Amino acid sequence: MIRRLLLIAIAGAAGIALVSALSAPASTTVTTLIGTTGPESVITLKKAGKRVTRLKPGKYRLTVRDRERVHDFHMRGPGMNNRMITDSFFQGTKTVIITLKRGRYTYYCDPHEFAGMKGSFTVK
C-alpha cells in the first residue's frame, strides 16, 4: 500500500512538472541590430559588431544612434518602403522593432543618399 501511494505521488509530481514545462512561455529572443548615422557622412548597420550583409526573415530590434542632426536613418525593402526611423532634426538613440521579409533592403540618409550615404543587405 505504501509502495502504491509512493508511485502515485511520484507520477503526480512528474505530471505537474510536465504541465509546468508545457505551459511555460517560449523564449522570444529578438536579435539587436545597431544602426548609426554620423559623424560626417557615415551610415552603418551592424549585428554583433559586424556589418550586416545578410539576415534571416523575422523580427529584429533596431537601435539607431543618430550622431548629427543633419542626418536621418530611413529603410526601404519588402513591407518597409521609406520607413523613417530617425529624422534630420533628431540626435540621440531610438529603438524600434522591425519585421524583415525575404528580399533586398536599403538603409540610407534621405538628404545624403545620392552622395553615397547608404548601405544594403539581403534577407533570405
PDB file of N, CA and C in Angstrom:
ATOM      1  N   MET A   1       0.825  -1.189   0.000  1.00  0.00           N
ATOM      2  CA  MET A   1       0.000   0.000   0.000  1.00  0.00           C
ATOM      3  C   MET A   1       0.873   1.258   0.000  1.00  0.00           C
ATOM      4  N   ILE A   2       1.898   1.303   0.850  1.00  0.00           N
ATOM      5  CA  ILE A   2       2.786   2.462   0.914  1.00  0.00           C
ATOM      6  C   ILE A   2       3.513   2.601  -0.416  1.00  0.00           C
ATOM      7  N   ARG A   3       3.921   1.463  -0.973  1.00  0.00           N
ATOM      8  CA  ARG A   3       4.622   1.500  -2.250  1.00  0.00           C
ATOM      9  C   ARG A   3       3.719   2.079  -3.341  1.00  0.00           C
ATOM     10  N   ARG A   4       2.440   1.706  -3.365  1.00  0.00           N
ATOM     11  CA  ARG A   4       1.485   2.207  -4.346  1.00  0.00           C
ATOM     12  C   ARG A   4       1.289   3.715  -4.170  1.00  0.00           C
ATOM     13  N   LEU A   5       1.150   4.178  -2.941  1.00  0.00           N
ATOM     14  CA  LEU A   5       0.990   5.612  -2.676  1.00  0.00           C
ATOM     15  C   LEU A   5       2.232   6.394  -3.123  1.00  0.00           C
ATOM     16  N   LEU A   6       3.406   5.806  -2.876  1.00  0.00           N
ATOM     17  CA  LEU A   6       4.644   6.449  -3.287  1.00  0.00           C
ATOM     18  C   LEU A   6       4.707   6.571  -4.809  1.00  0.00           C
ATOM     19  N   LEU A   7       4.332   5.526  -5.546  1.00  0.00           N
ATOM     20  CA  LEU A   7       4.314   5.573  -7.005  1.00  0.00           C
ATOM     21  C   LEU A   7       3.315   6.608  -7.518  1.00  0.00           C
ATOM     22  N   ILE A   8       2.172   6.727  -6.898  1.00  0.00           N
ATOM     23  CA  ILE A   8       1.169   7.719  -7.289  1.00  0.00           C
ATOM     24  C   ILE A   8       1.709   9.126  -7.044  1.00  0.00           C
ATOM     25  N   ALA A   9       2.368   9.319  -5.918  1.00  0.00           N
ATOM     26  CA  ALA A   9       2.937  10.633  -5.601  1.00  0.00           C
ATOM     27  C   ALA A   9       4.021  11.022  -6.601  1.00  0.00           C
ATOM     28  N   ILE A  10       4.893  10.065  -6.963  1.00  0.00           N
ATOM     29  CA  ILE A  10       5.952  10.339  -7.930  1.00  0.00           C
ATOM     30  C   ILE A  10       5.346  10.650  -9.294  1.00  0.00           C
ATOM     31  N   ALA A  11       4.378   9.866  -9.723  1.00  0.00           N
ATOM     32  CA  ALA A  11       3.725  10.097 -11.017  1.00  0.00           C
ATOM     33  C   ALA A  11       3.021  11.446 -11.022  1.00  0.00           C
ATOM     34  N   GLY A  12       2.385  11.788  -9.925  1.00  0.00           N
ATOM     35  CA  GLY A  12       1.702  13.087  -9.826  1.00  0.00           C
ATOM     36  C   GLY A  12       2.686  14.235  -9.908  1.00  0.00           C
ATOM     37  N   ALA A  13       3.812  14.125  -9.224  1.00  0.00           N
ATOM     38  CA  ALA A  13       4.827  15.175  -9.263  1.00  0.00           C
ATOM     39  C   ALA A  13       5.409  15.318 -10.668  1.00  0.00           C
ATOM     40  N   ALA A  14       5.630  14.207 -11.342  1.00  0.00           N
ATOM     41  CA  ALA A  14       6.158  14.248 -12.706  1.00  0.00           C
ATOM     42  C   ALA A  14       5.141  14.894 -13.641  1.00  0.00           C
ATOM     43  N   GLY A  15       3.872  14.600 -13.431  1.00  0.00           N
ATOM     44  CA  GLY A  15       2.813  15.200 -14.249  1.00  0.00           C
ATOM     45  C   GLY A  15       2.756  16.701 -14.064  1.00  0.00           C
ATOM     46  N   ILE A  16       2.911  17.173 -12.836  1.00  0.00           N
ATOM     47  CA  ILE A  16       2.905  18.611 -12.554  1.00  0.00           C
ATOM     48  C   ILE A  16       4.099  19.268 -13.235  1.00  0.00           C
ATOM     49  N   ALA A  17       5.260  18.636 -13.171  1.00  0.00           N
ATOM     50  CA  ALA A  17       6.447  19.191 -13.816  1.00  0.00           C
ATOM     51  C   ALA A  17       6.256  19.253 -15.322  1.00  0.00           C
ATOM     52  N   LEU A  18       5.638  18.219 -15.898  1.00  0.00           N
ATOM     53  CA  LEU A  18       5.402  18.187 -17.330  1.00  0.00           C
ATOM     54  C   LEU A  18       4.430  19.283 -17.737  1.00  0.00           C
ATOM     55  N   VAL A  19       3.353  19.467 -16.971  1.00  0.00           N
ATOM     56  CA  VAL A  19       2.394  20.524 -17.264  1.00  0.00           C
ATOM     57  C   VAL A  19       3.069  21.887 -17.161  1.00  0.00           C
ATOM     58  N   SER A  20       3.906  22.100 -16.154  1.00  0.00           N
ATOM     59  CA  SER A  20       4.604  23.372 -15.996  1.00  0.00           C
ATOM     60  C   SER A  20       5.529  23.634 -17.174  1.00  0.00           C
ATOM     61  N   ALA A  21       6.231  22.613 -17.623  1.00  0.00           N
ATOM     62  CA  ALA A  21       7.150  22.788 -18.747  1.00  0.00           C
ATOM     63  C   ALA A  21       6.384  23.101 -20.028  1.00  0.00           C
ATOM     64  N   LEU A  22       5.237  22.454 -20.216  1.00  0.00           N
ATOM     65  CA  LEU A  22       4.459  22.685 -21.419  1.00  0.00           C
ATOM     66  C   LEU A  22       3.797  24.051 -21.422  1.00  0.00           C
ATOM     67  N   SER A  23       3.454  24.585 -20.255  1.00  0.00           N
ATOM     68  CA  SER A  23       2.766  25.867 -20.214  1.00  0.00           C
ATOM     69  C   SER A  23       3.718  27.045 -20.089  1.00  0.00           C
ATOM     70  N   ALA A  24       5.016  26.785 -19.925  1.00  0.00           N
ATOM     71  CA  ALA A  24       5.981  27.882 -19.828  1.00  0.00           C
ATOM     72  C   ALA A  24       6.083  28.590 -21.180  1.00  0.00           C
ATOM     73  N   PRO A  25       6.167  29.928 -21.175  1.00  0.00           N
ATOM     74  CA  PRO A  25       6.254  30.639 -22.447  1.00  0.00           C
ATOM     75  C   PRO A  25       7.561  30.337 -23.177  1.00  0.00           C
ATOM     76  N   ALA A  26       7.483  30.290 -24.495  1.00  0.00           N
ATOM     77  CA  ALA A  26       8.668  30.048 -25.308  1.00  0.00           C
ATOM     78  C   ALA A  26       9.578  31.265 -25.247  1.00  0.00           C
ATOM     79  N   SER A  27      10.853  31.040 -25.427  1.00  0.00           N
ATOM     80  CA  SER A  27      11.809  32.129 -25.437  1.00  0.00           C
ATOM     81  C   SER A  27      11.554  33.018 -26.648  1.00  0.00           C
ATOM     82  N   THR A  28      11.475  34.316 -26.434  1.00  0.00           N
ATOM     83  CA  THR A  28      11.207  35.245 -27.525  1.00  0.00           C
ATOM     84  C   THR A  28      12.373  36.218 -27.666  1.00  0.00           C
ATOM     85  N   THR A  29      13.535  35.653 -27.869  1.00  0.00           N
ATOM     86  CA  THR A  29      14.731  36.466 -28.032  1.00  0.00           C
ATOM     87  C   THR A  29      14.674  37.173 -29.381  1.00  0.00           C
ATOM     88  N   VAL A  30      14.890  38.482 -29.351  1.00  0.00           N
ATOM     89  CA  VAL A  30      14.910  39.280 -30.571  1.00  0.00           C
ATOM     90  C   VAL A  30      16.336  39.758 -30.779  1.00  0.00           C
ATOM     91  N   THR A  31      16.880  39.527 -31.971  1.00  0.00           N
ATOM     92  CA  THR A  31      18.233  39.944 -32.297  1.00  0.00           C
ATOM     93  C   THR A  31      18.286  41.457 -32.445  1.00  0.00           C
ATOM     94  N   THR A  32      19.344  42.054 -31.918  1.00  0.00           N
ATOM     95  CA  THR A  32      19.507  43.503 -31.994  1.00  0.00           C
ATOM     96  C   THR A  32      20.432  43.882 -33.150  1.00  0.00           C
ATOM     97  N   LEU A  33      19.997  44.854 -33.910  1.00  0.00           N
ATOM     98  CA  LEU A  33      20.797  45.467 -34.965  1.00  0.00           C
ATOM     99  C   LEU A  33      21.119  46.883 -34.509  1.00  0.00           C
ATOM    100  N   ILE A  34      22.331  47.350 -34.796  1.00  0.00           N
ATOM    101  CA  ILE A  34      22.744  48.699 -34.413  1.00  0.00           C
ATOM    102  C   ILE A  34      22.992  49.512 -35.675  1.00  0.00           C
ATOM    103  N   GLY A  35      22.228  50.567 -35.843  1.00  0.00           N
ATOM    104  CA  GLY A  35      22.421  51.492 -36.949  1.00  0.00           C
ATOM    105  C   GLY A  35      23.044  52.774 -36.433  1.00  0.00           C
ATOM    106  N   THR A  36      23.909  53.393 -37.214  1.00  0.00           N
ATOM    107  CA  THR A  36      24.498  54.679 -36.831  1.00  0.00           C
ATOM    108  C   THR A  36      24.463  55.627 -38.020  1.00  0.00           C
ATOM    109  N   THR A  37      24.310  56.901 -37.707  1.00  0.00           N
ATOM    110  CA  THR A  37      24.488  57.954 -38.697  1.00  0.00           C
ATOM    111  C   THR A  37      25.483  58.941 -38.120  1.00  0.00           C
ATOM    112  N   GLY A  38      26.435  59.347 -38.943  1.00  0.00           N
ATOM    113  CA  GLY A  38      27.466  60.277 -38.491  1.00  0.00           C
ATOM    114  C   GLY A  38      28.523  59.536 -37.686  1.00  0.00           C
ATOM    115  N   PRO A  39      29.583  60.192 -37.347  1.00  0.00           N
ATOM    116  CA  PRO A  39      29.843  61.593 -37.701  1.00  0.00           C
ATOM    117  C   PRO A  39      30.121  61.723 -39.195  1.00  0.00           C
ATOM    118  N   GLU A  40      29.936  62.934 -39.664  1.00  0.00           N
ATOM    119  CA  GLU A  40      30.097  63.263 -41.074  1.00  0.00           C
ATOM    120  C   GLU A  40      29.155  62.414 -41.917  1.00  0.00           C
ATOM    121  N   SER A  41      29.563  61.942 -43.072  1.00  0.00           N
ATOM    122  CA  SER A  41      28.669  61.235 -43.996  1.00  0.00           C
ATOM    123  C   SER A  41      28.820  59.726 -43.902  1.00  0.00           C
ATOM    124  N   VAL A  42      28.659  59.195 -42.695  1.00  0.00           N
ATOM    125  CA  VAL A  42      28.803  57.759 -42.460  1.00  0.00           C
ATOM    126  C   VAL A  42      27.474  57.203 -41.961  1.00  0.00           C
ATOM    127  N   ILE A  43      27.058  56.084 -42.554  1.00  0.00           N
ATOM    128  CA  ILE A  43      25.885  55.364 -42.073  1.00  0.00           C
ATOM    129  C   ILE A  43      26.241  53.880 -42.045  1.00  0.00           C
ATOM    130  N   THR A  44      25.892  53.191 -40.962  1.00  0.00           N
ATOM    131  CA  THR A  44      26.227  51.770 -40.827  1.00  0.00           C
ATOM    132  C   THR A  44      25.049  51.000 -40.250  1.00  0.00           C
ATOM    133  N   LEU A  45      25.060  49.690 -40.469  1.00  0.00           N
ATOM    134  CA  LEU A  45      24.130  48.773 -39.833  1.00  0.00           C
ATOM    135  C   LEU A  45      24.932  47.538 -39.456  1.00  0.00           C
ATOM    136  N   LYS A  46      24.944  47.217 -38.151  1.00  0.00           N
ATOM    137  CA  LYS A  46      25.759  46.098 -37.667  1.00  0.00           C
ATOM    138  C   LYS A  46      24.946  45.163 -36.781  1.00  0.00           C
ATOM    139  N   LYS A  47      25.409  43.927 -36.767  1.00  0.00           N
ATOM    140  CA  LYS A  47      24.870  42.894 -35.874  1.00  0.00           C
ATOM    141  C   LYS A  47      26.071  42.275 -35.180  1.00  0.00           C
ATOM    142  N   ALA A  48      26.090  42.320 -33.865  1.00  0.00           N
ATOM    143  CA  ALA A  48      27.202  41.778 -33.073  1.00  0.00           C
ATOM    144  C   ALA A  48      28.538  42.360 -33.528  1.00  0.00           C
ATOM    145  N   GLY A  49      28.540  43.654 -33.864  1.00  0.00           N
ATOM    146  CA  GLY A  49      29.769  44.345 -34.221  1.00  0.00           C
ATOM    147  C   GLY A  49      30.222  44.183 -35.657  1.00  0.00           C
ATOM    148  N   LYS A  50      29.489  43.392 -36.449  1.00  0.00           N
ATOM    149  CA  LYS A  50      29.877  43.163 -37.847  1.00  0.00           C
ATOM    150  C   LYS A  50      28.837  43.773 -38.786  1.00  0.00           C
ATOM    151  N   ARG A  51      29.321  44.306 -39.904  1.00  0.00           N
ATOM    152  CA  ARG A  51      28.428  44.910 -40.898  1.00  0.00           C
ATOM    153  C   ARG A  51      27.415  43.880 -41.396  1.00  0.00           C
ATOM    154  N   VAL A  52      26.167  44.286 -41.484  1.00  0.00           N
ATOM    155  CA  VAL A  52      25.101  43.400 -41.944  1.00  0.00           C
ATOM    156  C   VAL A  52      25.120  43.319 -43.464  1.00  0.00           C
ATOM    157  N   THR A  53      25.189  42.091 -43.972  1.00  0.00           N
ATOM    158  CA  THR A  53      25.069  41.867 -45.414  1.00  0.00           C
ATOM    159  C   THR A  53      23.925  40.894 -45.722  1.00  0.00           C
ATOM    160  N   ARG A  54      23.625  40.027 -44.747  1.00  0.00           N
ATOM    161  CA  ARG A  54      22.571  39.027 -44.925  1.00  0.00           C
ATOM    162  C   ARG A  54      21.936  38.724 -43.573  1.00  0.00           C
ATOM    163  N   LEU A  55      20.601  38.647 -43.565  1.00  0.00           N
ATOM    164  CA  LEU A  55      19.858  38.294 -42.360  1.00  0.00           C
ATOM    165  C   LEU A  55      18.787  37.273 -42.718  1.00  0.00           C
ATOM    166  N   LYS A  56      18.253  36.625 -41.703  1.00  0.00           N
ATOM    167  CA  LYS A  56      17.126  35.717 -41.879  1.00  0.00           C
ATOM    168  C   LYS A  56      15.834  36.503 -41.684  1.00  0.00           C
ATOM    169  N   PRO A  57      14.745  36.063 -42.293  1.00  0.00           N
ATOM    170  CA  PRO A  57      13.461  36.735 -42.065  1.00  0.00           C
ATOM    171  C   PRO A  57      13.082  36.683 -40.587  1.00  0.00           C
ATOM    172  N   GLY A  58      12.383  37.701 -40.124  1.00  0.00           N
ATOM    173  CA  GLY A  58      11.906  37.703 -38.750  1.00  0.00           C
ATOM    174  C   GLY A  58      11.918  39.083 -38.123  1.00  0.00           C
ATOM    175  N   LYS A  59      11.682  39.088 -36.799  1.00  0.00           N
ATOM    176  CA  LYS A  59      11.649  40.346 -36.042  1.00  0.00           C
ATOM    177  C   LYS A  59      13.031  40.669 -35.509  1.00  0.00           C
ATOM    178  N   TYR A  60      13.346  41.964 -35.531  1.00  0.00           N
ATOM    179  CA  TYR A  60      14.624  42.455 -35.037  1.00  0.00           C
ATOM    180  C   TYR A  60      14.400  43.729 -34.244  1.00  0.00           C
ATOM    181  N   ARG A  61      15.238  43.937 -33.258  1.00  0.00           N
ATOM    182  CA  ARG A  61      15.269  45.196 -32.529  1.00  0.00           C
ATOM    183  C   ARG A  61      16.324  46.053 -33.220  1.00  0.00           C
ATOM    184  N   LEU A  62      15.916  47.197 -33.747  1.00  0.00           N
ATOM    185  CA  LEU A  62      16.835  48.104 -34.432  1.00  0.00           C
ATOM    186  C   LEU A  62      17.055  49.318 -33.541  1.00  0.00           C
ATOM    187  N   THR A  63      18.292  49.485 -33.090  1.00  0.00           N
ATOM    188  CA  THR A  63      18.667  50.650 -32.302  1.00  0.00           C
ATOM    189  C   THR A  63      19.521  51.548 -33.186  1.00  0.00           C
ATOM    190  N   VAL A  64      19.053  52.769 -33.399  1.00  0.00           N
ATOM    191  CA  VAL A  64      19.767  53.725 -34.241  1.00  0.00           C
ATOM    192  C   VAL A  64      20.390  54.790 -33.348  1.00  0.00           C
ATOM    193  N   ARG A  65      21.676  54.986 -33.532  1.00  0.00           N
ATOM    194  CA  ARG A  65      22.414  56.043 -32.844  1.00  0.00           C
ATOM    195  C   ARG A  65      22.667  57.154 -33.864  1.00  0.00           C
ATOM    196  N   ASP A  66      21.861  58.165 -33.805  1.00  0.00           N
ATOM    197  CA  ASP A  66      21.933  59.284 -34.741  1.00  0.00           C
ATOM    198  C   ASP A  66      22.815  60.355 -34.108  1.00  0.00           C
ATOM    199  N   ARG A  67      24.013  60.524 -34.642  1.00  0.00           N
ATOM    200  CA  ARG A  67      25.020  61.370 -34.003  1.00  0.00           C
ATOM    201  C   ARG A  67      25.010  62.828 -34.467  1.00  0.00           C
ATOM    202  N   GLU A  68      24.292  63.129 -35.538  1.00  0.00           N
ATOM    203  CA  GLU A  68      24.252  64.505 -36.034  1.00  0.00           C
ATOM    204  C   GLU A  68      22.847  64.836 -36.530  1.00  0.00           C
ATOM    205  N   ARG A  69      22.410  66.041 -36.270  1.00  0.00           N
ATOM    206  CA  ARG A  69      21.057  66.453 -36.658  1.00  0.00           C
ATOM    207  C   ARG A  69      20.874  66.626 -38.158  1.00  0.00           C
ATOM    208  N   VAL A  70      21.919  66.648 -38.926  1.00  0.00           N
ATOM    209  CA  VAL A  70      21.769  66.832 -40.377  1.00  0.00           C
ATOM    210  C   VAL A  70      21.491  65.514 -41.092  1.00  0.00           C
ATOM    211  N   HIS A  71      21.561  64.390 -40.364  1.00  0.00           N
ATOM    212  CA  HIS A  71      21.345  63.073 -40.966  1.00  0.00           C
ATOM    213  C   HIS A  71      20.077  62.435 -40.419  1.00  0.00           C
ATOM    214  N   ASP A  72      19.613  61.408 -41.114  1.00  0.00           N
ATOM    215  CA  ASP A  72      18.499  60.598 -40.638  1.00  0.00           C
ATOM    216  C   ASP A  72      18.769  59.148 -41.017  1.00  0.00           C
ATOM    217  N   PHE A  73      17.915  58.252 -40.556  1.00  0.00           N
ATOM    218  CA  PHE A  73      18.059  56.824 -40.854  1.00  0.00           C
ATOM    219  C   PHE A  73      16.729  56.337 -41.389  1.00  0.00           C
ATOM    220  N   HIS A  74      16.679  56.051 -42.700  1.00  0.00           N
ATOM    221  CA  HIS A  74      15.493  55.516 -43.356  1.00  0.00           C
ATOM    222  C   HIS A  74      15.813  54.113 -43.847  1.00  0.00           C
ATOM    223  N   MET A  75      14.765  53.331 -44.089  1.00  0.00           N
ATOM    224  CA  MET A  75      14.955  51.983 -44.614  1.00  0.00           C
ATOM    225  C   MET A  75      13.849  51.691 -45.619  1.00  0.00           C
ATOM    226  N   ARG A  76      14.232  51.017 -46.694  1.00  0.00           N
ATOM    227  CA  ARG A  76      13.222  50.564 -47.657  1.00  0.00           C
ATOM    228  C   ARG A  76      13.517  49.110 -48.033  1.00  0.00           C
ATOM    229  N   GLY A  77      12.443  48.413 -48.328  1.00  0.00           N
ATOM    230  CA  GLY A  77      12.514  46.999 -48.672  1.00  0.00           C
ATOM    231  C   GLY A  77      11.117  46.421 -48.577  1.00  0.00           C
ATOM    232  N   PRO A  78      10.961  45.111 -48.742  1.00  0.00           N
ATOM    233  CA  PRO A  78       9.636  44.492 -48.699  1.00  0.00           C
ATOM    234  C   PRO A  78       8.875  44.837 -47.415  1.00  0.00           C
ATOM    235  N   GLY A  79       7.742  45.510 -47.577  1.00  0.00           N
ATOM    236  CA  GLY A  79       6.899  45.870 -46.442  1.00  0.00           C
ATOM    237  C   GLY A  79       7.426  47.042 -45.632  1.00  0.00           C
ATOM    238  N   MET A  80       8.472  47.710 -46.093  1.00  0.00           N
ATOM    239  CA  MET A  80       9.073  48.776 -45.308  1.00  0.00           C
ATOM    240  C   MET A  80       9.594  49.882 -46.228  1.00  0.00           C
ATOM    241  N   ASN A  81       8.791  50.361 -47.128  1.00  0.00           N
ATOM    242  CA  ASN A  81       9.264  51.359 -48.084  1.00  0.00           C
ATOM    243  C   ASN A  81       9.375  52.728 -47.443  1.00  0.00           C
ATOM    244  N   ASN A  82      10.590  53.228 -47.445  1.00  0.00           N
ATOM    245  CA  ASN A  82      10.898  54.559 -46.926  1.00  0.00           C
ATOM    246  C   ASN A  82      10.486  54.750 -45.477  1.00  0.00           C
ATOM    247  N   ARG A  83      10.673  53.725 -44.667  1.00  0.00           N
ATOM    248  CA  ARG A  83      10.343  53.839 -43.240  1.00  0.00           C
ATOM    249  C   ARG A  83      11.368  54.736 -42.558  1.00  0.00           C
ATOM    250  N   MET A  84      10.893  55.777 -41.921  1.00  0.00           N
ATOM    251  CA  MET A  84      11.754  56.728 -41.234  1.00  0.00           C
ATOM    252  C   MET A  84      11.948  56.264 -39.793  1.00  0.00           C
ATOM    253  N   ILE A  85      13.187  55.923 -39.445  1.00  0.00           N
ATOM    254  CA  ILE A  85      13.498  55.545 -38.074  1.00  0.00           C
ATOM    255  C   ILE A  85      13.852  56.804 -37.282  1.00  0.00           C
ATOM    256  N   THR A  86      14.732  57.640 -37.834  1.00  0.00           N
ATOM    257  CA  THR A  86      15.008  58.954 -37.253  1.00  0.00           C
ATOM    258  C   THR A  86      14.914  59.993 -38.359  1.00  0.00           C
ATOM    259  N   ASP A  87      14.694  61.257 -37.975  1.00  0.00           N
ATOM    260  CA  ASP A  87      14.643  62.322 -38.976  1.00  0.00           C
ATOM    261  C   ASP A  87      15.818  63.276 -38.802  1.00  0.00           C
ATOM    262  N   SER A  88      15.920  64.224 -39.695  1.00  0.00           N
ATOM    263  CA  SER A  88      17.068  65.137 -39.717  1.00  0.00           C
ATOM    264  C   SER A  88      17.129  66.071 -38.511  1.00  0.00           C
ATOM    265  N   PHE A  89      16.057  66.168 -37.741  1.00  0.00           N
ATOM    266  CA  PHE A  89      16.051  67.046 -36.569  1.00  0.00           C
ATOM    267  C   PHE A  89      16.398  66.294 -35.289  1.00  0.00           C
ATOM    268  N   PHE A  90      16.538  64.966 -35.390  1.00  0.00           N
ATOM    269  CA  PHE A  90      16.771  64.126 -34.216  1.00  0.00           C
ATOM    270  C   PHE A  90      18.260  63.867 -34.034  1.00  0.00           C
ATOM    271  N   GLN A  91      18.680  63.903 -32.790  1.00  0.00           N
ATOM    272  CA  GLN A  91      20.034  63.466 -32.437  1.00  0.00           C
ATOM    273  C   GLN A  91      19.905  62.695 -31.139  1.00  0.00           C
ATOM    274  N   GLY A  92      20.410  61.463 -31.117  1.00  0.00           N
ATOM    275  CA  GLY A  92      20.285  60.611 -29.942  1.00  0.00           C
ATOM    276  C   GLY A  92      20.118  59.166 -30.359  1.00  0.00           C
ATOM    277  N   THR A  93      19.469  58.390 -29.489  1.00  0.00           N
ATOM    278  CA  THR A  93      19.279  56.963 -29.735  1.00  0.00           C
ATOM    279  C   THR A  93      17.796  56.643 -29.754  1.00  0.00           C
ATOM    280  N   LYS A  94      17.386  55.847 -30.729  1.00  0.00           N
ATOM    281  CA  LYS A  94      15.989  55.429 -30.853  1.00  0.00           C
ATOM    282  C   LYS A  94      15.960  53.944 -31.175  1.00  0.00           C
ATOM    283  N   THR A  95      15.040  53.211 -30.543  1.00  0.00           N
ATOM    284  CA  THR A  95      14.911  51.772 -30.766  1.00  0.00           C
ATOM    285  C   THR A  95      13.502  51.448 -31.250  1.00  0.00           C
ATOM    286  N   VAL A  96      13.418  50.620 -32.292  1.00  0.00           N
ATOM    287  CA  VAL A  96      12.142  50.162 -32.839  1.00  0.00           C
ATOM    288  C   VAL A  96      12.248  48.664 -33.106  1.00  0.00           C
ATOM    289  N   ILE A  97      11.111  48.015 -33.209  1.00  0.00           N
ATOM    290  CA  ILE A  97      11.049  46.610 -33.624  1.00  0.00           C
ATOM    291  C   ILE A  97      10.628  46.593 -35.084  1.00  0.00           C
ATOM    292  N   ILE A  98      11.392  45.877 -35.906  1.00  0.00           N
ATOM    293  CA  ILE A  98      11.074  45.776 -37.330  1.00  0.00           C
ATOM    294  C   ILE A  98      10.903  44.306 -37.700  1.00  0.00           C
ATOM    295  N   THR A  99      10.105  44.053 -38.709  1.00  0.00           N
ATOM    296  CA  THR A  99       9.928  42.702 -39.239  1.00  0.00           C
ATOM    297  C   THR A  99      10.464  42.690 -40.660  1.00  0.00           C
ATOM    298  N   LEU A 100      11.439  41.839 -40.892  1.00  0.00           N
ATOM    299  CA  LEU A 100      12.072  41.735 -42.200  1.00  0.00           C
ATOM    300  C   LEU A 100      11.557  40.505 -42.937  1.00  0.00           C
ATOM    301  N   LYS A 101      11.202  40.713 -44.188  1.00  0.00           N
ATOM    302  CA  LYS A 101      10.741  39.638 -45.069  1.00  0.00           C
ATOM    303  C   LYS A 101      11.831  39.365 -46.098  1.00  0.00           C
ATOM    304  N   ARG A 102      11.697  38.272 -46.809  1.00  0.00           N
ATOM    305  CA  ARG A 102      12.683  37.938 -47.850  1.00  0.00           C
ATOM    306  C   ARG A 102      12.761  39.063 -48.881  1.00  0.00           C
ATOM    307  N   GLY A 103      14.000  39.396 -49.250  1.00  0.00           N
ATOM    308  CA  GLY A 103      14.191  40.431 -50.262  1.00  0.00           C
ATOM    309  C   GLY A 103      15.410  41.279 -49.974  1.00  0.00           C
ATOM    310  N   ARG A 104      15.522  42.381 -50.679  1.00  0.00           N
ATOM    311  CA  ARG A 104      16.667  43.289 -50.559  1.00  0.00           C
ATOM    312  C   ARG A 104      16.222  44.563 -49.842  1.00  0.00           C
ATOM    313  N   TYR A 105      17.023  45.005 -48.889  1.00  0.00           N
ATOM    314  CA  TYR A 105      16.743  46.209 -48.108  1.00  0.00           C
ATOM    315  C   TYR A 105      17.879  47.209 -48.285  1.00  0.00           C
ATOM    316  N   THR A 106      17.519  48.481 -48.251  1.00  0.00           N
ATOM    317  CA  THR A 106      18.494  49.565 -48.287  1.00  0.00           C
ATOM    318  C   THR A 106      18.230  50.466 -47.095  1.00  0.00           C
ATOM    319  N   TYR A 107      19.279  50.832 -46.379  1.00  0.00           N
ATOM    320  CA  TYR A 107      19.181  51.841 -45.321  1.00  0.00           C
ATOM    321  C   TYR A 107      19.974  53.044 -45.803  1.00  0.00           C
ATOM    322  N   TYR A 108      19.491  54.238 -45.483  1.00  0.00           N
ATOM    323  CA  TYR A 108      20.088  55.417 -46.080  1.00  0.00           C
ATOM    324  C   TYR A 108      19.744  56.673 -45.295  1.00  0.00           C
ATOM    325  N   CYS A 109      20.535  57.704 -45.531  1.00  0.00           N
ATOM    326  CA  CYS A 109      20.251  59.048 -45.034  1.00  0.00           C
ATOM    327  C   CYS A 109      19.535  59.751 -46.182  1.00  0.00           C
ATOM    328  N   ASP A 110      18.299  60.123 -45.988  1.00  0.00           N
ATOM    329  CA  ASP A 110      17.494  60.680 -47.067  1.00  0.00           C
ATOM    330  C   ASP A 110      18.144  61.893 -47.753  1.00  0.00           C
ATOM    331  N   PRO A 111      18.634  62.904 -47.009  1.00  0.00           N
ATOM    332  CA  PRO A 111      19.239  64.046 -47.702  1.00  0.00           C
ATOM    333  C   PRO A 111      20.571  63.728 -48.387  1.00  0.00           C
ATOM    334  N   HIS A 112      21.242  62.642 -47.993  1.00  0.00           N
ATOM    335  CA  HIS A 112      22.588  62.372 -48.493  1.00  0.00           C
ATOM    336  C   HIS A 112      22.731  61.021 -49.201  1.00  0.00           C
ATOM    337  N   GLU A 113      21.620  60.374 -49.524  1.00  0.00           N
ATOM    338  CA  GLU A 113      21.680  59.054 -50.166  1.00  0.00           C
ATOM    339  C   GLU A 113      22.449  59.106 -51.488  1.00  0.00           C
ATOM    340  N   PHE A 114      22.183  60.130 -52.291  1.00  0.00           N
ATOM    341  CA  PHE A 114      22.819  60.200 -53.605  1.00  0.00           C
ATOM    342  C   PHE A 114      24.285  60.612 -53.519  1.00  0.00           C
ATOM    343  N   ALA A 115      24.723  61.035 -52.328  1.00  0.00           N
ATOM    344  CA  ALA A 115      26.143  61.315 -52.100  1.00  0.00           C
ATOM    345  C   ALA A 115      26.855  60.061 -51.581  1.00  0.00           C
ATOM    346  N   GLY A 116      26.113  58.944 -51.502  1.00  0.00           N
ATOM    347  CA  GLY A 116      26.710  57.672 -51.100  1.00  0.00           C
ATOM    348  C   GLY A 116      26.456  57.252 -49.670  1.00  0.00           C
ATOM    349  N   MET A 117      25.618  57.987 -48.954  1.00  0.00           N
ATOM    350  CA  MET A 117      25.348  57.642 -47.546  1.00  0.00           C
ATOM    351  C   MET A 117      24.214  56.623 -47.491  1.00  0.00           C
ATOM    352  N   LYS A 118      24.583  55.362 -47.816  1.00  0.00           N
ATOM    353  CA  LYS A 118      23.589  54.278 -47.867  1.00  0.00           C
ATOM    354  C   LYS A 118      24.307  52.940 -47.759  1.00  0.00           C
ATOM    355  N   GLY A 119      23.551  51.930 -47.482  1.00  0.00           N
ATOM    356  CA  GLY A 119      24.050  50.563 -47.441  1.00  0.00           C
ATOM    357  C   GLY A 119      22.883  49.638 -47.741  1.00  0.00           C
ATOM    358  N   SER A 120      23.170  48.355 -47.954  1.00  0.00           N
ATOM    359  CA  SER A 120      22.099  47.410 -48.262  1.00  0.00           C
ATOM    360  C   SER A 120      22.443  46.025 -47.734  1.00  0.00           C
ATOM    361  N   PHE A 121      21.411  45.196 -47.638  1.00  0.00           N
ATOM    362  CA  PHE A 121      21.562  43.806 -47.200  1.00  0.00           C
ATOM    363  C   PHE A 121      20.434  42.983 -47.772  1.00  0.00           C
ATOM    364  N   THR A 122      20.594  41.667 -47.738  1.00  0.00           N
ATOM    365  CA  THR A 122      19.617  40.733 -48.259  1.00  0.00           C
ATOM    366  C   THR A 122      19.036  39.908 -47.121  1.00  0.00           C
ATOM    367  N   VAL A 123      17.736  39.653 -47.196  1.00  0.00           N
ATOM    368  CA  VAL A 123      17.067  38.766 -46.242  1.00  0.00           C
ATOM    369  C   VAL A 123      16.691  37.501 -46.993  1.00  0.00           C
ATOM    370  N   LYS A 124      17.250  36.363 -46.527  1.00  0.00           N
ATOM    371  CA  LYS A 124      16.978  35.061 -47.172  1.00  0.00           C
ATOM    372  C   LYS A 124      16.589  34.049 -46.139  1.00  0.00           C
TER     373      LYS A 124
END
